[in-house]
PDB file of N, CA and C in Angstrom:
ATOM      1  N   MET A   1      11.832 -11.577  -1.298  1.00  0.00           N
ATOM      2  CA  MET A   1      10.934 -11.868  -2.419  1.00  0.00           C
ATOM      3  C   MET A   1      11.758 -11.945  -3.710  1.00  0.00           C
ATOM      4  N   ALA A   2      11.857 -13.123  -4.247  1.00  0.00           N
ATOM      5  CA  ALA A   2      12.625 -13.291  -5.486  1.00  0.00           C
ATOM      6  C   ALA A   2      11.756 -12.941  -6.685  1.00  0.00           C
ATOM      7  N   ARG A   3      12.290 -12.109  -7.570  1.00  0.00           N
ATOM      8  CA  ARG A   3      11.529 -11.725  -8.770  1.00  0.00           C
ATOM      9  C   ARG A   3      12.376 -11.974  -9.999  1.00  0.00           C
ATOM     10  N   PHE A   4      11.770 -12.623 -10.987  1.00  0.00           N
ATOM     11  CA  PHE A   4      12.467 -12.884 -12.240  1.00  0.00           C
ATOM     12  C   PHE A   4      11.781 -12.073 -13.324  1.00  0.00           C
ATOM     13  N   ARG A   5      12.404 -10.972 -13.717  1.00  0.00           N
ATOM     14  CA  ARG A   5      11.761 -10.068 -14.666  1.00  0.00           C
ATOM     15  C   ARG A   5      12.365 -10.224 -16.053  1.00  0.00           C
ATOM     16  N   GLY A   6      11.531 -10.665 -16.997  1.00  0.00           N
ATOM     17  CA  GLY A   6      11.906 -10.653 -18.404  1.00  0.00           C
ATOM     18  C   GLY A   6      13.103 -11.509 -18.755  1.00  0.00           C
ATOM     19  N   SER A   7      13.463 -12.480 -17.906  1.00  0.00           N
ATOM     20  CA  SER A   7      14.633 -13.289 -18.220  1.00  0.00           C
ATOM     21  C   SER A   7      14.334 -14.263 -19.355  1.00  0.00           C
ATOM     22  N   SER A   8      13.156 -14.913 -19.307  1.00  0.00           N
ATOM     23  CA  SER A   8      12.832 -15.904 -20.334  1.00  0.00           C
ATOM     24  C   SER A   8      11.721 -15.420 -21.264  1.00  0.00           C
ATOM     25  N   HIS A   9      11.076 -14.306 -20.922  1.00  0.00           N
ATOM     26  CA  HIS A   9       9.963 -13.812 -21.740  1.00  0.00           C
ATOM     27  C   HIS A   9      10.339 -12.512 -22.431  1.00  0.00           C
ATOM     28  N   PRO A  10      10.361 -12.501 -23.761  1.00  0.00           N
ATOM     29  CA  PRO A  10      10.676 -11.261 -24.470  1.00  0.00           C
ATOM     30  C   PRO A  10       9.562 -10.222 -24.355  1.00  0.00           C
ATOM     31  N   ASP A  11       8.307 -10.681 -24.247  1.00  0.00           N
ATOM     32  CA  ASP A  11       7.195  -9.731 -24.108  1.00  0.00           C
ATOM     33  C   ASP A  11       6.959  -9.471 -22.620  1.00  0.00           C
ATOM     34  N   THR A  12       7.747  -8.531 -22.070  1.00  0.00           N
ATOM     35  CA  THR A  12       7.760  -8.327 -20.623  1.00  0.00           C
ATOM     36  C   THR A  12       6.590  -7.468 -20.158  1.00  0.00           C
ATOM     37  N   GLY A  13       5.925  -6.770 -21.074  1.00  0.00           N
ATOM     38  CA  GLY A  13       4.837  -5.883 -20.664  1.00  0.00           C
ATOM     39  C   GLY A  13       3.770  -6.609 -19.871  1.00  0.00           C
ATOM     40  N   MET A  14       3.225  -7.674 -20.448  1.00  0.00           N
ATOM     41  CA  MET A  14       2.175  -8.427 -19.782  1.00  0.00           C
ATOM     42  C   MET A  14       2.714  -9.111 -18.528  1.00  0.00           C
ATOM     43  N   LYS A  15       3.912  -9.655 -18.630  1.00  0.00           N
ATOM     44  CA  LYS A  15       4.502 -10.375 -17.513  1.00  0.00           C
ATOM     45  C   LYS A  15       4.701  -9.439 -16.315  1.00  0.00           C
ATOM     46  N   ASP A  16       5.210  -8.237 -16.581  1.00  0.00           N
ATOM     47  CA  ASP A  16       5.420  -7.293 -15.493  1.00  0.00           C
ATOM     48  C   ASP A  16       4.098  -6.955 -14.815  1.00  0.00           C
ATOM     49  N   GLU A  17       3.054  -6.744 -15.622  1.00  0.00           N
ATOM     50  CA  GLU A  17       1.750  -6.414 -15.055  1.00  0.00           C
ATOM     51  C   GLU A  17       1.263  -7.550 -14.162  1.00  0.00           C
ATOM     52  N   MET A  18       1.390  -8.780 -14.655  1.00  0.00           N
ATOM     53  CA  MET A  18       0.972  -9.936 -13.869  1.00  0.00           C
ATOM     54  C   MET A  18       1.795 -10.041 -12.586  1.00  0.00           C
ATOM     55  N   GLU A  19       3.088  -9.782 -12.680  1.00  0.00           N
ATOM     56  CA  GLU A  19       3.946  -9.892 -11.495  1.00  0.00           C
ATOM     57  C   GLU A  19       3.589  -8.830 -10.474  1.00  0.00           C
ATOM     58  N   ILE A  20       3.259  -7.614 -10.945  1.00  0.00           N
ATOM     59  CA  ILE A  20       2.850  -6.553 -10.023  1.00  0.00           C
ATOM     60  C   ILE A  20       1.591  -6.982  -9.281  1.00  0.00           C
ATOM     61  N   VAL A  21       0.628  -7.544 -10.026  1.00  0.00           N
ATOM     62  CA  VAL A  21      -0.614  -8.019  -9.400  1.00  0.00           C
ATOM     63  C   VAL A  21      -0.316  -9.132  -8.404  1.00  0.00           C
ATOM     64  N   THR A  22       0.522 -10.083  -8.795  1.00  0.00           N
ATOM     65  CA  THR A  22       0.832 -11.197  -7.897  1.00  0.00           C
ATOM     66  C   THR A  22       1.550 -10.703  -6.655  1.00  0.00           C
ATOM     67  N   ASP A  23       2.506  -9.780  -6.834  1.00  0.00           N
ATOM     68  CA  ASP A  23       3.208  -9.224  -5.679  1.00  0.00           C
ATOM     69  C   ASP A  23       2.232  -8.560  -4.724  1.00  0.00           C
ATOM     70  N   ALA A  24       1.283  -7.793  -5.273  1.00  0.00           N
ATOM     71  CA  ALA A  24       0.311  -7.107  -4.432  1.00  0.00           C
ATOM     72  C   ALA A  24      -0.532  -8.113  -3.648  1.00  0.00           C
ATOM     73  N   ILE A  25      -0.965  -9.174  -4.329  1.00  0.00           N
ATOM     74  CA  ILE A  25      -1.784 -10.199  -3.659  1.00  0.00           C
ATOM     75  C   ILE A  25      -0.974 -10.870  -2.558  1.00  0.00           C
ATOM     76  N   ILE A  26       0.289 -11.202  -2.849  1.00  0.00           N
ATOM     77  CA  ILE A  26       1.147 -11.856  -1.855  1.00  0.00           C
ATOM     78  C   ILE A  26       1.328 -10.945  -0.646  1.00  0.00           C
ATOM     79  N   LEU A  27       1.574  -9.655  -0.903  1.00  0.00           N
ATOM     80  CA  LEU A  27       1.750  -8.717   0.201  1.00  0.00           C
ATOM     81  C   LEU A  27       0.483  -8.618   1.035  1.00  0.00           C
ATOM     82  N   LEU A  28      -0.684  -8.576   0.374  1.00  0.00           N
ATOM     83  CA  LEU A  28      -1.957  -8.518   1.101  1.00  0.00           C
ATOM     84  C   LEU A  28      -2.139  -9.772   1.950  1.00  0.00           C
ATOM     85  N   LEU A  29      -1.810 -10.933   1.392  1.00  0.00           N
ATOM     86  CA  LEU A  29      -1.938 -12.182   2.147  1.00  0.00           C
ATOM     87  C   LEU A  29      -1.028 -12.171   3.364  1.00  0.00           C
ATOM     88  N   ILE A  30       0.226 -11.716   3.179  1.00  0.00           N
ATOM     89  CA  ILE A  30       1.177 -11.667   4.292  1.00  0.00           C
ATOM     90  C   ILE A  30       0.666 -10.722   5.374  1.00  0.00           C
ATOM     91  N   GLU A  31       0.146  -9.557   4.957  1.00  0.00           N
ATOM     92  CA  GLU A  31      -0.396  -8.602   5.930  1.00  0.00           C
ATOM     93  C   GLU A  31      -1.570  -9.207   6.682  1.00  0.00           C
ATOM     94  N   GLY A  32      -2.468  -9.883   5.947  1.00  0.00           N
ATOM     95  CA  GLY A  32      -3.629 -10.496   6.573  1.00  0.00           C
ATOM     96  C   GLY A  32      -3.224 -11.544   7.592  1.00  0.00           C
ATOM     97  N   VAL A  33      -2.262 -12.387   7.213  1.00  0.00           N
ATOM     98  CA  VAL A  33      -1.798 -13.428   8.134  1.00  0.00           C
ATOM     99  C   VAL A  33      -1.155 -12.793   9.359  1.00  0.00           C
ATOM    100  N   ALA A  34      -0.364 -11.757   9.139  1.00  0.00           N
ATOM    101  CA  ALA A  34       0.299 -11.093  10.264  1.00  0.00           C
ATOM    102  C   ALA A  34      -0.729 -10.494  11.216  1.00  0.00           C
ATOM    103  N   LYS A  35      -1.750  -9.834  10.668  1.00  0.00           N
ATOM    104  CA  LYS A  35      -2.786  -9.232  11.509  1.00  0.00           C
ATOM    105  C   LYS A  35      -3.553 -10.314  12.266  1.00  0.00           C
ATOM    106  N   LEU A  36      -3.885 -11.415  11.582  1.00  0.00           N
ATOM    107  CA  LEU A  36      -4.616 -12.500  12.238  1.00  0.00           C
ATOM    108  C   LEU A  36      -3.788 -13.092  13.374  1.00  0.00           C
ATOM    109  N   SER A  37      -2.497 -13.277  13.147  1.00  0.00           N
ATOM    110  CA  SER A  37      -1.662 -13.862  14.199  1.00  0.00           C
ATOM    111  C   SER A  37      -1.514 -12.891  15.366  1.00  0.00           C
ATOM    112  N   LEU A  38      -1.445 -11.587  15.065  1.00  0.00           N
ATOM    113  CA  LEU A  38      -1.386 -10.599  16.142  1.00  0.00           C
ATOM    114  C   LEU A  38      -2.665 -10.623  16.964  1.00  0.00           C
ATOM    115  N   ILE A  39      -3.812 -10.691  16.276  1.00  0.00           N
ATOM    116  CA  ILE A  39      -5.094 -10.763  16.973  1.00  0.00           C
ATOM    117  C   ILE A  39      -5.141 -12.035  17.825  1.00  0.00           C
ATOM    118  N   GLY A  40      -4.672 -13.125  17.263  1.00  0.00           N
ATOM    119  CA  GLY A  40      -4.631 -14.385  18.002  1.00  0.00           C
ATOM    120  C   GLY A  40      -3.769 -14.282  19.249  1.00  0.00           C
ATOM    121  N   LEU A  41      -2.634 -13.600  19.128  1.00  0.00           N
ATOM    122  CA  LEU A  41      -1.756 -13.434  20.286  1.00  0.00           C
ATOM    123  C   LEU A  41      -2.422 -12.578  21.357  1.00  0.00           C
ATOM    124  N   CYS A  42      -3.148 -11.540  20.923  1.00  0.00           N
ATOM    125  CA  CYS A  42      -3.820 -10.655  21.887  1.00  0.00           C
ATOM    126  C   CYS A  42      -4.931 -11.400  22.621  1.00  0.00           C
ATOM    127  N   LEU A  43      -5.613 -12.303  21.908  1.00  0.00           N
ATOM    128  CA  LEU A  43      -6.726 -13.026  22.523  1.00  0.00           C
ATOM    129  C   LEU A  43      -6.239 -14.100  23.488  1.00  0.00           C
ATOM    130  N   ASP A  44      -5.034 -14.604  23.283  1.00  0.00           N
ATOM    131  CA  ASP A  44      -4.545 -15.696  24.131  1.00  0.00           C
ATOM    132  C   ASP A  44      -4.325 -15.296  25.572  1.00  0.00           C
TER     133      ASP A  44
END
């Protein structure tokens, strides 16, 4: 997971918060996809 923190934005407070939220959403999506594929494999 590549993260670019505060390289181009001087006001990193808001950016960091947004990145934390985005990272969490991405992780949730990855977990969901992994669980769905595991369920799919079990059903096959």
